[in-house]
């Protein structure tokens, strides 16, 4: 999924965030621990369709907030760099037109 499509897909009910609760530990019927502690996390559920059969299924992607924040910071830095380059190109164009 491309980030630019997220709002459209959410509006159409094709994606949704879900919070998975923390787990202390899970024991089976014999009292043995089957799952150790696990912190809460967020998933992104996406509806996908098999093009051959048309069957619908759900895919879950674990989302990492810090990773998304880092990507946003990188994109913001790229944007600032591009804005500076565009401004410099504009100055060059203006200078050339004066020649």
N, C-alpha and C. Protein backbone atom coordinates (compact mmCIF):
# COMPACT_ATOMS: atom_id res chain seq x y z
N UNK A 1 0.84 -1.17 0.00
CA UNK A 1 0.00 0.00 0.00
C UNK A 1 0.88 1.23 0.00
N UNK A 2 0.53 2.17 -0.85
CA UNK A 2 1.24 3.43 -0.87
C UNK A 2 0.59 4.36 0.14
N UNK A 3 1.41 5.14 0.81
CA UNK A 3 0.89 6.02 1.85
C UNK A 3 -0.15 6.99 1.30
N UNK A 4 0.02 7.45 0.06
CA UNK A 4 -0.92 8.41 -0.50
C UNK A 4 -2.32 7.80 -0.68
N UNK A 5 -2.41 6.49 -0.71
CA UNK A 5 -3.70 5.81 -0.90
C UNK A 5 -4.40 5.51 0.42
N UNK A 6 -3.75 5.72 1.55
CA UNK A 6 -4.29 5.29 2.83
C UNK A 6 -5.65 5.91 3.12
N UNK A 7 -5.80 7.21 2.94
CA UNK A 7 -7.07 7.88 3.26
C UNK A 7 -8.20 7.34 2.39
N UNK A 8 -7.95 7.16 1.11
CA UNK A 8 -8.96 6.62 0.20
C UNK A 8 -9.38 5.22 0.62
N UNK A 9 -8.40 4.38 0.93
CA UNK A 9 -8.70 3.00 1.34
C UNK A 9 -9.44 2.96 2.67
N UNK A 10 -9.07 3.85 3.60
CA UNK A 10 -9.75 3.90 4.89
C UNK A 10 -11.21 4.32 4.70
N UNK A 11 -11.44 5.32 3.87
CA UNK A 11 -12.80 5.79 3.60
C UNK A 11 -13.64 4.68 2.98
N UNK A 12 -13.03 3.86 2.14
CA UNK A 12 -13.74 2.76 1.48
C UNK A 12 -13.87 1.53 2.38
N UNK A 13 -13.32 1.59 3.58
CA UNK A 13 -13.41 0.45 4.50
C UNK A 13 -12.48 -0.70 4.14
N UNK A 14 -11.42 -0.41 3.40
CA UNK A 14 -10.49 -1.46 2.97
C UNK A 14 -9.32 -1.65 3.93
N UNK A 15 -9.05 -0.63 4.79
CA UNK A 15 -7.97 -0.73 5.77
C UNK A 15 -8.45 -0.17 7.11
N UNK A 16 -7.85 -0.65 8.17
CA UNK A 16 -8.18 -0.15 9.50
C UNK A 16 -7.05 -0.48 10.47
N UNK A 17 -6.79 0.43 11.40
CA UNK A 17 -5.82 0.16 12.45
C UNK A 17 -6.53 -0.56 13.59
N UNK A 18 -5.81 -1.48 14.20
CA UNK A 18 -6.34 -2.19 15.37
C UNK A 18 -5.23 -2.30 16.39
N UNK A 19 -5.60 -2.11 17.65
CA UNK A 19 -4.66 -2.22 18.74
C UNK A 19 -4.74 -3.64 19.30
N UNK A 20 -3.60 -4.28 19.42
CA UNK A 20 -3.52 -5.62 20.01
C UNK A 20 -3.04 -5.43 21.46
N UNK A 21 -3.83 -5.92 22.38
CA UNK A 21 -3.54 -5.73 23.81
C UNK A 21 -2.29 -6.49 24.24
N UNK A 22 -1.68 -6.00 25.28
CA UNK A 22 -0.52 -6.66 25.85
C UNK A 22 -0.92 -7.99 26.45
N UNK A 23 0.02 -8.93 26.45
CA UNK A 23 -0.22 -10.26 27.01
C UNK A 23 0.83 -10.52 28.08
N UNK A 24 0.39 -10.87 29.28
CA UNK A 24 1.33 -11.18 30.35
C UNK A 24 1.99 -12.53 30.04
N UNK A 25 1.18 -13.57 30.01
CA UNK A 25 1.62 -14.90 29.57
C UNK A 25 0.39 -15.77 29.40
N UNK A 26 0.50 -16.71 28.49
CA UNK A 26 -0.62 -17.61 28.20
C UNK A 26 -0.18 -19.02 28.54
N UNK A 27 -1.06 -19.74 29.26
CA UNK A 27 -0.76 -21.12 29.63
C UNK A 27 -1.75 -22.05 28.95
N UNK A 28 -1.27 -23.23 28.57
CA UNK A 28 -2.17 -24.22 27.97
C UNK A 28 -2.87 -25.00 29.08
N UNK A 29 -3.64 -26.02 28.72
CA UNK A 29 -4.42 -26.78 29.71
C UNK A 29 -3.53 -27.53 30.71
N UNK A 30 -2.27 -27.79 30.37
CA UNK A 30 -1.35 -28.46 31.27
C UNK A 30 -0.64 -27.48 32.21
N UNK A 31 -0.93 -26.18 32.04
CA UNK A 31 -0.31 -25.18 32.90
C UNK A 31 1.05 -24.72 32.40
N UNK A 32 1.44 -25.17 31.20
CA UNK A 32 2.72 -24.75 30.64
C UNK A 32 2.55 -23.42 29.92
N UNK A 33 3.55 -22.57 30.05
CA UNK A 33 3.49 -21.26 29.40
C UNK A 33 3.72 -21.46 27.90
N UNK A 34 2.76 -21.01 27.10
CA UNK A 34 2.88 -21.13 25.64
C UNK A 34 3.27 -19.81 24.99
N UNK A 35 2.96 -18.70 25.66
CA UNK A 35 3.33 -17.38 25.15
C UNK A 35 3.83 -16.54 26.31
N UNK A 36 5.04 -16.03 26.17
CA UNK A 36 5.56 -15.17 27.23
C UNK A 36 5.01 -13.76 27.04
N UNK A 37 5.38 -12.87 27.91
CA UNK A 37 4.83 -11.51 27.86
C UNK A 37 5.12 -10.85 26.51
N UNK A 38 4.17 -10.04 26.12
CA UNK A 38 4.26 -9.35 24.84
C UNK A 38 3.62 -7.98 25.01
N UNK A 39 4.31 -6.91 24.64
CA UNK A 39 3.72 -5.58 24.80
C UNK A 39 2.59 -5.35 23.78
N UNK A 40 1.76 -4.36 24.04
CA UNK A 40 0.70 -4.00 23.10
C UNK A 40 1.34 -3.47 21.82
N UNK A 41 0.67 -3.67 20.70
CA UNK A 41 1.14 -3.13 19.42
C UNK A 41 -0.04 -2.85 18.51
N UNK A 42 0.23 -2.20 17.41
CA UNK A 42 -0.81 -1.82 16.46
C UNK A 42 -0.61 -2.56 15.15
N UNK A 43 -1.71 -2.98 14.55
CA UNK A 43 -1.65 -3.61 13.23
C UNK A 43 -2.50 -2.82 12.25
N UNK A 44 -2.18 -2.96 11.00
CA UNK A 44 -2.99 -2.41 9.93
C UNK A 44 -3.60 -3.59 9.20
N UNK A 45 -4.93 -3.70 9.27
CA UNK A 45 -5.63 -4.78 8.55
C UNK A 45 -6.02 -4.27 7.18
N UNK A 46 -5.71 -5.08 6.16
CA UNK A 46 -6.05 -4.73 4.78
C UNK A 46 -6.87 -5.85 4.17
N UNK A 47 -7.92 -5.47 3.45
CA UNK A 47 -8.69 -6.46 2.70
C UNK A 47 -8.00 -6.64 1.36
N UNK A 48 -7.76 -7.88 1.00
CA UNK A 48 -7.16 -8.20 -0.29
C UNK A 48 -8.05 -9.22 -1.00
N UNK A 49 -7.95 -9.22 -2.30
CA UNK A 49 -8.77 -10.11 -3.11
C UNK A 49 -7.90 -10.95 -4.02
N UNK A 50 -8.23 -12.22 -4.14
CA UNK A 50 -7.53 -13.12 -5.04
C UNK A 50 -8.07 -12.84 -6.44
N UNK A 51 -7.21 -12.43 -7.38
CA UNK A 51 -7.69 -12.10 -8.72
C UNK A 51 -8.26 -13.30 -9.48
N UNK A 52 -7.82 -14.51 -9.13
CA UNK A 52 -8.29 -15.70 -9.82
C UNK A 52 -9.67 -16.15 -9.34
N UNK A 53 -9.87 -16.09 -8.02
CA UNK A 53 -11.13 -16.60 -7.46
C UNK A 53 -12.07 -15.50 -6.99
N UNK A 54 -11.52 -14.29 -6.76
CA UNK A 54 -12.35 -13.21 -6.23
C UNK A 54 -12.56 -13.31 -4.74
N UNK A 55 -11.93 -14.29 -4.11
CA UNK A 55 -12.10 -14.48 -2.66
C UNK A 55 -11.43 -13.34 -1.89
N UNK A 56 -12.11 -12.90 -0.86
CA UNK A 56 -11.59 -11.82 -0.02
C UNK A 56 -10.89 -12.42 1.19
N UNK A 57 -9.77 -11.82 1.57
CA UNK A 57 -9.08 -12.22 2.80
C UNK A 57 -8.52 -10.96 3.46
N UNK A 58 -8.06 -11.12 4.68
CA UNK A 58 -7.52 -10.00 5.43
C UNK A 58 -6.05 -10.25 5.72
N UNK A 59 -5.23 -9.23 5.46
CA UNK A 59 -3.80 -9.29 5.74
C UNK A 59 -3.52 -8.33 6.88
N UNK A 60 -2.69 -8.76 7.83
CA UNK A 60 -2.35 -7.91 8.95
C UNK A 60 -0.87 -7.56 8.90
N UNK A 61 -0.58 -6.25 8.93
CA UNK A 61 0.80 -5.77 8.98
C UNK A 61 1.02 -5.08 10.31
N UNK A 62 2.06 -5.48 11.00
CA UNK A 62 2.39 -4.83 12.27
C UNK A 62 2.98 -3.45 11.96
N UNK A 63 2.48 -2.44 12.64
CA UNK A 63 2.91 -1.07 12.39
C UNK A 63 3.82 -0.61 13.53
N UNK A 64 4.89 0.06 13.17
CA UNK A 64 5.83 0.58 14.16
C UNK A 64 5.78 2.11 14.08
N UNK A 65 5.24 2.73 15.12
CA UNK A 65 5.05 4.18 15.14
C UNK A 65 6.37 4.92 14.97
N UNK A 66 7.41 4.47 15.63
CA UNK A 66 8.71 5.16 15.53
C UNK A 66 9.26 5.10 14.10
N UNK A 67 9.03 3.98 13.42
CA UNK A 67 9.48 3.85 12.04
C UNK A 67 8.72 4.82 11.13
N UNK A 68 7.40 4.93 11.35
CA UNK A 68 6.61 5.86 10.55
C UNK A 68 7.03 7.31 10.81
N UNK A 69 7.31 7.62 12.07
CA UNK A 69 7.76 8.98 12.40
C UNK A 69 9.11 9.28 11.75
N UNK A 70 10.00 8.28 11.70
CA UNK A 70 11.30 8.45 11.05
C UNK A 70 11.12 8.68 9.55
N UNK A 71 10.23 7.91 8.92
CA UNK A 71 9.97 8.09 7.49
C UNK A 71 9.41 9.48 7.21
N UNK A 72 8.51 9.94 8.09
CA UNK A 72 7.94 11.28 7.92
C UNK A 72 9.04 12.34 8.02
N UNK A 73 9.94 12.20 8.98
CA UNK A 73 11.04 13.16 9.15
C UNK A 73 11.94 13.17 7.91
N UNK A 74 12.21 11.98 7.35
CA UNK A 74 13.03 11.90 6.13
C UNK A 74 12.34 12.60 4.96
N UNK A 75 11.04 12.36 4.80
CA UNK A 75 10.28 12.99 3.71
C UNK A 75 10.24 14.51 3.89
N UNK A 76 10.10 14.96 5.13
CA UNK A 76 10.09 16.40 5.41
C UNK A 76 11.44 17.02 5.06
N UNK A 77 12.53 16.33 5.38
CA UNK A 77 13.87 16.83 5.03
C UNK A 77 14.05 16.87 3.52
N UNK A 78 13.57 15.83 2.82
CA UNK A 78 13.65 15.80 1.35
C UNK A 78 12.85 16.97 0.77
N UNK A 79 11.69 17.23 1.33
CA UNK A 79 10.84 18.32 0.86
C UNK A 79 11.56 19.67 1.02
N UNK A 80 12.18 19.88 2.18
CA UNK A 80 12.91 21.13 2.42
C UNK A 80 14.04 21.30 1.42
N UNK A 81 14.74 20.21 1.14
CA UNK A 81 15.85 20.26 0.17
C UNK A 81 15.32 20.60 -1.22
N UNK A 82 14.20 19.99 -1.62
CA UNK A 82 13.62 20.28 -2.93
C UNK A 82 13.13 21.72 -3.03
N UNK A 83 12.54 22.24 -1.95
CA UNK A 83 12.08 23.63 -1.96
C UNK A 83 13.26 24.56 -2.17
N UNK A 84 14.39 24.29 -1.53
CA UNK A 84 15.59 25.10 -1.69
C UNK A 84 16.10 25.02 -3.13
N UNK A 85 16.14 23.81 -3.70
CA UNK A 85 16.59 23.64 -5.08
C UNK A 85 15.68 24.37 -6.05
N UNK A 86 14.38 24.31 -5.83
CA UNK A 86 13.42 25.00 -6.70
C UNK A 86 13.64 26.51 -6.63
N UNK A 87 13.87 27.02 -5.44
CA UNK A 87 14.12 28.46 -5.28
C UNK A 87 15.39 28.87 -6.02
N UNK A 88 16.44 28.07 -5.92
CA UNK A 88 17.68 28.38 -6.63
C UNK A 88 17.50 28.31 -8.14
N UNK A 89 16.74 27.33 -8.61
CA UNK A 89 16.45 27.26 -10.05
C UNK A 89 15.69 28.49 -10.51
N UNK A 90 14.75 28.94 -9.71
CA UNK A 90 14.00 30.14 -10.04
C UNK A 90 14.91 31.35 -10.15
N UNK A 91 15.86 31.48 -9.24
CA UNK A 91 16.82 32.59 -9.29
C UNK A 91 17.67 32.51 -10.55
N UNK A 92 18.09 31.30 -10.91
CA UNK A 92 18.90 31.12 -12.14
C UNK A 92 18.08 31.51 -13.37
N UNK A 93 16.83 31.08 -13.41
CA UNK A 93 15.96 31.39 -14.55
C UNK A 93 15.78 32.91 -14.67
N UNK A 94 15.55 33.57 -13.54
CA UNK A 94 15.38 35.02 -13.53
C UNK A 94 16.66 35.71 -14.03
N UNK A 95 17.82 35.22 -13.57
CA UNK A 95 19.09 35.80 -13.98
C UNK A 95 19.32 35.62 -15.48
N UNK A 96 18.99 34.43 -16.02
CA UNK A 96 19.18 34.17 -17.43
C UNK A 96 18.27 35.06 -18.27
N UNK A 97 17.04 35.28 -17.82
CA UNK A 97 16.10 36.12 -18.57
C UNK A 97 16.56 37.57 -18.63
N UNK A 98 17.38 38.00 -17.66
CA UNK A 98 17.89 39.36 -17.64
C UNK A 98 19.07 39.55 -18.60
N UNK A 99 19.68 38.48 -19.03
CA UNK A 99 20.85 38.56 -19.92
C UNK A 99 20.44 38.98 -21.30
